[in-house]
PDB file of N, CA and C in Angstrom:
ATOM      1  N   UNK A   1    -103.149 130.829 -98.936  1.00  0.00           N
ATOM      2  CA  UNK A   1    -103.951 131.370 -99.990  1.00  0.00           C
ATOM      3  C   UNK A   1    -104.360 130.285-100.988  1.00  0.00           C
ATOM      4  N   UNK A   2    -103.440 129.419-101.402  1.00  0.00           N
ATOM      5  CA  UNK A   2    -103.783 128.357-102.334  1.00  0.00           C
ATOM      6  C   UNK A   2    -104.723 127.346-101.696  1.00  0.00           C
ATOM      7  N   UNK A   3    -104.557 127.102-100.408  1.00  0.00           N
ATOM      8  CA  UNK A   3    -105.457 126.168 -99.731  1.00  0.00           C
ATOM      9  C   UNK A   3    -106.886 126.693 -99.785  1.00  0.00           C
ATOM     10  N   UNK A   4    -107.053 127.997 -99.612  1.00  0.00           N
ATOM     11  CA  UNK A   4    -108.395 128.597 -99.695  1.00  0.00           C
ATOM     12  C   UNK A   4    -108.949 128.487-101.107  1.00  0.00           C
ATOM     13  N   UNK A   5    -108.133 128.786-102.102  1.00  0.00           N
ATOM     14  CA  UNK A   5    -108.583 128.693-103.502  1.00  0.00           C
ATOM     15  C   UNK A   5    -108.955 127.262-103.862  1.00  0.00           C
ATOM     16  N   UNK A   6    -108.186 126.324-103.349  1.00  0.00           N
ATOM     17  CA  UNK A   6    -108.427 124.919-103.644  1.00  0.00           C
ATOM     18  C   UNK A   6    -109.623 124.393-102.870  1.00  0.00           C
ATOM     19  N   UNK A   7    -109.928 125.001-101.755  1.00  0.00           N
ATOM     20  CA  UNK A   7    -111.072 124.574-100.952  1.00  0.00           C
ATOM     21  C   UNK A   7    -110.753 123.428-100.010  1.00  0.00           C
ATOM     22  N   UNK A   8    -109.493 123.333 -99.599  1.00  0.00           N
ATOM     23  CA  UNK A   8    -109.091 122.285 -98.657  1.00  0.00           C
ATOM     24  C   UNK A   8    -108.406 122.939 -97.456  1.00  0.00           C
ATOM     25  N   UNK A   9    -108.227 122.171 -96.418  1.00  0.00           N
ATOM     26  CA  UNK A   9    -107.554 122.670 -95.228  1.00  0.00           C
ATOM     27  C   UNK A   9    -106.043 122.775 -95.445  1.00  0.00           C
ATOM     28  N   UNK A  10    -105.394 123.475 -94.539  1.00  0.00           N
ATOM     29  CA  UNK A  10    -103.946 123.664 -94.655  1.00  0.00           C
ATOM     30  C   UNK A  10    -103.192 122.346 -94.588  1.00  0.00           C
ATOM     31  N   UNK A  11    -103.628 121.445 -93.703  1.00  0.00           N
ATOM     32  CA  UNK A  11    -102.955 120.146 -93.597  1.00  0.00           C
ATOM     33  C   UNK A  11    -103.102 119.349 -94.894  1.00  0.00           C
ATOM     34  N   UNK A  12    -104.307 119.356 -95.451  1.00  0.00           N
ATOM     35  CA  UNK A  12    -104.538 118.632 -96.703  1.00  0.00           C
ATOM     36  C   UNK A  12    -103.714 119.244 -97.824  1.00  0.00           C
ATOM     37  N   UNK A  13    -103.642 120.565 -97.880  1.00  0.00           N
ATOM     38  CA  UNK A  13    -102.863 121.211 -98.933  1.00  0.00           C
ATOM     39  C   UNK A  13    -101.370 120.904 -98.776  1.00  0.00           C
ATOM     40  N   UNK A  14    -100.888 120.851 -97.555  1.00  0.00           N
ATOM     41  CA  UNK A  14     -99.476 120.509 -97.329  1.00  0.00           C
ATOM     42  C   UNK A  14     -99.210 119.075 -97.808  1.00  0.00           C
ATOM     43  N   UNK A  15    -100.144 118.163 -97.530  1.00  0.00           N
ATOM     44  CA  UNK A  15     -99.995 116.783 -98.007  1.00  0.00           C
ATOM     45  C   UNK A  15    -100.063 116.731 -99.527  1.00  0.00           C
ATOM     46  N   UNK A  16    -100.911 117.560-100.116  1.00  0.00           N
ATOM     47  CA  UNK A  16    -101.036 117.640-101.567  1.00  0.00           C
ATOM     48  C   UNK A  16     -99.711 118.086-102.188  1.00  0.00           C
ATOM     49  N   UNK A  17     -99.089 119.088-101.605  1.00  0.00           N
ATOM     50  CA  UNK A  17     -97.798 119.572-102.113  1.00  0.00           C
ATOM     51  C   UNK A  17     -96.712 118.512-102.007  1.00  0.00           C
ATOM     52  N   UNK A  18     -96.793 117.670-100.986  1.00  0.00           N
ATOM     53  CA  UNK A  18     -95.799 116.597-100.819  1.00  0.00           C
ATOM     54  C   UNK A  18     -96.072 115.421-101.756  1.00  0.00           C
ATOM     55  N   UNK A  19     -97.254 115.401-102.387  1.00  0.00           N
ATOM     56  CA  UNK A  19     -97.599 114.301-103.281  1.00  0.00           C
ATOM     57  C   UNK A  19     -98.142 113.095-102.552  1.00  0.00           C
ATOM     58  N   UNK A  20     -98.721 113.315-101.391  1.00  0.00           N
ATOM     59  CA  UNK A  20     -99.280 112.229-100.593  1.00  0.00           C
ATOM     60  C   UNK A  20    -100.384 111.515-101.380  1.00  0.00           C
ATOM     61  N   UNK A  21    -100.264 110.212-101.503  1.00  0.00           N
ATOM     62  CA  UNK A  21    -101.228 109.419-102.284  1.00  0.00           C
ATOM     63  C   UNK A  21    -102.592 109.306-101.611  1.00  0.00           C
ATOM     64  N   UNK A  22    -102.695 109.674-100.334  1.00  0.00           N
ATOM     65  CA  UNK A  22    -103.976 109.557 -99.645  1.00  0.00           C
ATOM     66  C   UNK A  22    -104.868 110.778 -99.851  1.00  0.00           C
ATOM     67  N   UNK A  23    -104.351 111.811-100.497  1.00  0.00           N
ATOM     68  CA  UNK A  23    -105.158 113.000-100.781  1.00  0.00           C
ATOM     69  C   UNK A  23    -106.108 112.660-101.925  1.00  0.00           C
ATOM     70  N   UNK A  24    -107.350 113.081-101.790  1.00  0.00           N
ATOM     71  CA  UNK A  24    -108.362 112.775-102.796  1.00  0.00           C
ATOM     72  C   UNK A  24    -108.008 113.388-104.145  1.00  0.00           C
ATOM     73  N   UNK A  25    -108.363 112.684-105.200  1.00  0.00           N
ATOM     74  CA  UNK A  25    -108.088 113.155-106.546  1.00  0.00           C
ATOM     75  C   UNK A  25    -108.771 114.494-106.812  1.00  0.00           C
ATOM     76  N   UNK A  26    -109.918 114.707-106.210  1.00  0.00           N
ATOM     77  CA  UNK A  26    -110.624 115.978-106.372  1.00  0.00           C
ATOM     78  C   UNK A  26    -109.816 117.164-105.868  1.00  0.00           C
ATOM     79  N   UNK A  27    -109.046 116.955-104.813  1.00  0.00           N
ATOM     80  CA  UNK A  27    -108.204 118.034-104.286  1.00  0.00           C
ATOM     81  C   UNK A  27    -107.109 118.382-105.283  1.00  0.00           C
ATOM     82  N   UNK A  28    -106.528 117.360-105.904  1.00  0.00           N
ATOM     83  CA  UNK A  28    -105.528 117.619-106.945  1.00  0.00           C
ATOM     84  C   UNK A  28    -106.157 118.345-108.130  1.00  0.00           C
ATOM     85  N   UNK A  29    -107.358 117.925-108.516  1.00  0.00           N
ATOM     86  CA  UNK A  29    -108.048 118.571-109.635  1.00  0.00           C
ATOM     87  C   UNK A  29    -108.337 120.034-109.315  1.00  0.00           C
ATOM     88  N   UNK A  30    -108.804 120.316-108.112  1.00  0.00           N
ATOM     89  CA  UNK A  30    -109.094 121.699-107.733  1.00  0.00           C
ATOM     90  C   UNK A  30    -107.815 122.545-107.716  1.00  0.00           C
ATOM     91  N   UNK A  31    -106.706 121.955-107.281  1.00  0.00           N
ATOM     92  CA  UNK A  31    -105.438 122.685-107.293  1.00  0.00           C
ATOM     93  C   UNK A  31    -105.024 123.009-108.733  1.00  0.00           C
ATOM     94  N   UNK A  32    -105.201 122.054-109.636  1.00  0.00           N
ATOM     95  CA  UNK A  32    -104.861 122.303-111.039  1.00  0.00           C
ATOM     96  C   UNK A  32    -105.757 123.380-111.639  1.00  0.00           C
ATOM     97  N   UNK A  33    -107.053 123.346-111.322  1.00  0.00           N
ATOM     98  CA  UNK A  33    -107.960 124.387-111.806  1.00  0.00           C
ATOM     99  C   UNK A  33    -107.567 125.749-111.243  1.00  0.00           C
ATOM    100  N   UNK A  34    -107.187 125.789-109.973  1.00  0.00           N
ATOM    101  CA  UNK A  34    -106.790 127.054-109.345  1.00  0.00           C
ATOM    102  C   UNK A  34    -105.542 127.647-109.994  1.00  0.00           C
ATOM    103  N   UNK A  35    -104.678 126.779-110.481  1.00  0.00           N
ATOM    104  CA  UNK A  35    -103.445 127.227-111.122  1.00  0.00           C
ATOM    105  C   UNK A  35    -103.617 127.497-112.616  1.00  0.00           C
ATOM    106  N   UNK A  36    -104.833 127.288-113.124  1.00  0.00           N
ATOM    107  CA  UNK A  36    -105.098 127.564-114.533  1.00  0.00           C
ATOM    108  C   UNK A  36    -104.866 126.388-115.465  1.00  0.00           C
ATOM    109  N   UNK A  37    -104.734 125.190-114.904  1.00  0.00           N
ATOM    110  CA  UNK A  37    -104.512 123.998-115.718  1.00  0.00           C
ATOM    111  C   UNK A  37    -105.794 123.198-115.941  1.00  0.00           C
ATOM    112  N   UNK A  38    -106.939 123.835-115.819  1.00  0.00           N
ATOM    113  CA  UNK A  38    -108.216 123.151-116.012  1.00  0.00           C
ATOM    114  C   UNK A  38    -108.370 122.542-117.391  1.00  0.00           C
ATOM    115  N   UNK A  39    -108.085 123.293-118.466  1.00  0.00           N
ATOM    116  CA  UNK A  39    -108.217 122.714-119.804  1.00  0.00           C
ATOM    117  C   UNK A  39    -107.299 121.507-120.033  1.00  0.00           C
ATOM    118  N   UNK A  40    -106.094 121.559-119.473  1.00  0.00           N
ATOM    119  CA  UNK A  40    -105.163 120.438-119.619  1.00  0.00           C
ATOM    120  C   UNK A  40    -105.727 119.202-118.935  1.00  0.00           C
ATOM    121  N   UNK A  41    -106.294 119.385-117.755  1.00  0.00           N
ATOM    122  CA  UNK A  41    -106.899 118.267-117.033  1.00  0.00           C
ATOM    123  C   UNK A  41    -108.105 117.737-117.801  1.00  0.00           C
ATOM    124  N   UNK A  42    -108.879 118.632-118.390  1.00  0.00           N
ATOM    125  CA  UNK A  42    -110.024 118.210-119.193  1.00  0.00           C
ATOM    126  C   UNK A  42    -109.596 117.402-120.402  1.00  0.00           C
ATOM    127  N   UNK A  43    -108.507 117.813-121.049  1.00  0.00           N
ATOM    128  CA  UNK A  43    -107.997 117.060-122.194  1.00  0.00           C
ATOM    129  C   UNK A  43    -107.497 115.688-121.773  1.00  0.00           C
ATOM    130  N   UNK A  44    -106.887 115.624-120.611  1.00  0.00           N
ATOM    131  CA  UNK A  44    -106.372 114.357-120.110  1.00  0.00           C
ATOM    132  C   UNK A  44    -107.500 113.368-119.846  1.00  0.00           C
ATOM    133  N   UNK A  45    -108.627 113.863-119.383  1.00  0.00           N
ATOM    134  CA  UNK A  45    -109.754 112.995-119.043  1.00  0.00           C
ATOM    135  C   UNK A  45    -110.733 112.802-120.193  1.00  0.00           C
ATOM    136  N   UNK A  46    -110.453 113.365-121.357  1.00  0.00           N
ATOM    137  CA  UNK A  46    -111.358 113.280-122.507  1.00  0.00           C
ATOM    138  C   UNK A  46    -111.295 111.885-123.115  1.00  0.00           C
ATOM    139  N   UNK A  47    -112.413 111.168-123.066  1.00  0.00           N
ATOM    140  CA  UNK A  47    -112.436 109.798-123.576  1.00  0.00           C
ATOM    141  C   UNK A  47    -112.272 109.749-125.091  1.00  0.00           C
ATOM    142  N   UNK A  48    -112.554 110.835-125.778  1.00  0.00           N
ATOM    143  CA  UNK A  48    -112.390 110.849-127.238  1.00  0.00           C
ATOM    144  C   UNK A  48    -110.928 110.779-127.648  1.00  0.00           C
ATOM    145  N   UNK A  49    -110.013 111.071-126.730  1.00  0.00           N
ATOM    146  CA  UNK A  49    -108.587 111.022-127.036  1.00  0.00           C
ATOM    147  C   UNK A  49    -107.935 109.733-126.551  1.00  0.00           C
ATOM    148  N   UNK A  50    -108.728 108.812-126.041  1.00  0.00           N
ATOM    149  CA  UNK A  50    -108.220 107.537-125.538  1.00  0.00           C
ATOM    150  C   UNK A  50    -108.331 106.493-126.648  1.00  0.00           C
ATOM    151  N   UNK A  51    -107.324 106.447-127.530  1.00  0.00           N
ATOM    152  CA  UNK A  51    -107.379 105.554-128.687  1.00  0.00           C
ATOM    153  C   UNK A  51    -107.500 104.087-128.288  1.00  0.00           C
ATOM    154  N   UNK A  52    -106.723 103.664-127.307  1.00  0.00           N
ATOM    155  CA  UNK A  52    -106.783 102.272-126.879  1.00  0.00           C
ATOM    156  C   UNK A  52    -108.150 101.944-126.294  1.00  0.00           C
ATOM    157  N   UNK A  53    -108.669 102.827-125.457  1.00  0.00           N
ATOM    158  CA  UNK A  53    -109.992 102.600-124.873  1.00  0.00           C
ATOM    159  C   UNK A  53    -111.075 102.529-125.926  1.00  0.00           C
ATOM    160  N   UNK A  54    -110.984 103.372-126.954  1.00  0.00           N
ATOM    161  CA  UNK A  54    -111.963 103.340-128.041  1.00  0.00           C
ATOM    162  C   UNK A  54    -111.867 102.038-128.828  1.00  0.00           C
ATOM    163  N   UNK A  55    -110.654 101.547-129.057  1.00  0.00           N
ATOM    164  CA  UNK A  55    -110.478 100.279-129.761  1.00  0.00           C
ATOM    165  C   UNK A  55    -111.043  99.122-128.950  1.00  0.00           C
ATOM    166  N   UNK A  56    -110.783  99.118-127.655  1.00  0.00           N
ATOM    167  CA  UNK A  56    -111.305  98.051-126.797  1.00  0.00           C
ATOM    168  C   UNK A  56    -112.823  98.087-126.746  1.00  0.00           C
ATOM    169  N   UNK A  57    -113.390  99.279-126.685  1.00  0.00           N
ATOM    170  CA  UNK A  57    -114.850  99.413-126.656  1.00  0.00           C
ATOM    171  C   UNK A  57    -115.455  98.932-127.976  1.00  0.00           C
ATOM    172  N   UNK A  58    -114.813  99.241-129.084  1.00  0.00           N
ATOM    173  CA  UNK A  58    -115.310  98.797-130.387  1.00  0.00           C
ATOM    174  C   UNK A  58    -115.259  97.271-130.492  1.00  0.00           C
ATOM    175  N   UNK A  59    -114.219  96.669-129.930  1.00  0.00           N
ATOM    176  CA  UNK A  59    -114.100  95.212-129.964  1.00  0.00           C
ATOM    177  C   UNK A  59    -115.199  94.542-129.147  1.00  0.00           C
ATOM    178  N   UNK A  60    -115.724  95.214-128.151  1.00  0.00           N
ATOM    179  CA  UNK A  60    -116.781  94.651-127.301  1.00  0.00           C
ATOM    180  C   UNK A  60    -118.167  94.763-127.926  1.00  0.00           C
ATOM    181  N   UNK A  61    -118.302  95.598-128.967  1.00  0.00           N
ATOM    182  CA  UNK A  61    -119.608  95.776-129.587  1.00  0.00           C
ATOM    183  C   UNK A  61    -120.056  94.471-130.235  1.00  0.00           C
ATOM    184  N   UNK A  62    -121.335  94.169-130.162  1.00  0.00           N
ATOM    185  CA  UNK A  62    -121.803  92.927-130.788  1.00  0.00           C
ATOM    186  C   UNK A  62    -121.717  93.033-132.308  1.00  0.00           C
ATOM    187  N   UNK A  63    -121.397  91.929-132.928  1.00  0.00           N
ATOM    188  CA  UNK A  63    -121.345  91.861-134.382  1.00  0.00           C
ATOM    189  C   UNK A  63    -122.739  91.520-134.892  1.00  0.00           C
ATOM    190  N   UNK A  64    -123.118  92.137-135.980  1.00  0.00           N
ATOM    191  CA  UNK A  64    -124.419  91.842-136.554  1.00  0.00           C
ATOM    192  C   UNK A  64    -124.301  90.554-137.357  1.00  0.00           C
ATOM    193  N   UNK A  65    -125.106  89.610-137.000  1.00  0.00           N
ATOM    194  CA  UNK A  65    -125.085  88.326-137.668  1.00  0.00           C
ATOM    195  C   UNK A  65    -126.445  88.111-138.305  1.00  0.00           C
ATOM    196  N   UNK A  66    -126.433  87.852-139.594  1.00  0.00           N
ATOM    197  CA  UNK A  66    -127.685  87.570-140.293  1.00  0.00           C
ATOM    198  C   UNK A  66    -127.899  86.071-140.332  1.00  0.00           C
ATOM    199  N   UNK A  67    -129.129  85.680-140.096  1.00  0.00           N
ATOM    200  CA  UNK A  67    -129.470  84.259-140.162  1.00  0.00           C
ATOM    201  C   UNK A  67    -129.483  83.818-141.619  1.00  0.00           C
ATOM    202  N   UNK A  68    -129.060  82.598-141.852  1.00  0.00           N
ATOM    203  CA  UNK A  68    -129.095  82.064-143.209  1.00  0.00           C
ATOM    204  C   UNK A  68    -130.533  81.892-143.643  1.00  0.00           C
ATOM    205  N   UNK A  69    -130.783  82.255-144.862  1.00  0.00           N
ATOM    206  CA  UNK A  69    -132.120  82.064-145.392  1.00  0.00           C
ATOM    207  C   UNK A  69    -132.251  80.639-145.930  1.00  0.00           C
ATOM    208  N   UNK A  70    -133.374  80.053-145.655  1.00  0.00           N
ATOM    209  CA  UNK A  70    -133.600  78.711-146.174  1.00  0.00           C
ATOM    210  C   UNK A  70    -133.888  78.805-147.674  1.00  0.00           C
ATOM    211  N   UNK A  71    -133.626  77.761-148.443  1.00  0.00           N
ATOM    212  CA  UNK A  71    -133.873  77.822-149.895  1.00  0.00           C
ATOM    213  C   UNK A  71    -135.333  78.132-150.234  1.00  0.00           C
ATOM    214  N   UNK A  72    -136.281  77.741-149.375  1.00  0.00           N
ATOM    215  CA  UNK A  72    -137.693  77.997-149.646  1.00  0.00           C
ATOM    216  C   UNK A  72    -138.019  79.496-149.509  1.00  0.00           C
ATOM    217  N   UNK A  73    -137.283  80.222-148.670  1.00  0.00           N
ATOM    218  CA  UNK A  73    -137.586  81.622-148.402  1.00  0.00           C
ATOM    219  C   UNK A  73    -137.142  82.528-149.546  1.00  0.00           C
ATOM    220  N   UNK A  74    -136.309  82.036-150.420  1.00  0.00           N
ATOM    221  CA  UNK A  74    -135.814  82.867-151.517  1.00  0.00           C
ATOM    222  C   UNK A  74    -136.825  82.985-152.528  1.00  0.00           C
TER     223      UNK A  74
END
């Protein structure tokens, strides 16, 4: 029944239950959605909650540098 809800074959679902690393991440995601853990998975993948990733991305942003004005331009 869970294999049908998840949309995978019985062999794949059995491997999923064993924690086989060769099972596609999508199969794990579908199993979590089938069990009602969709919002938890969504929160886990939410980039707005990745503080380190946001800090690293901010560090990569270009800094605005103003050119020095020559004394004649003032």
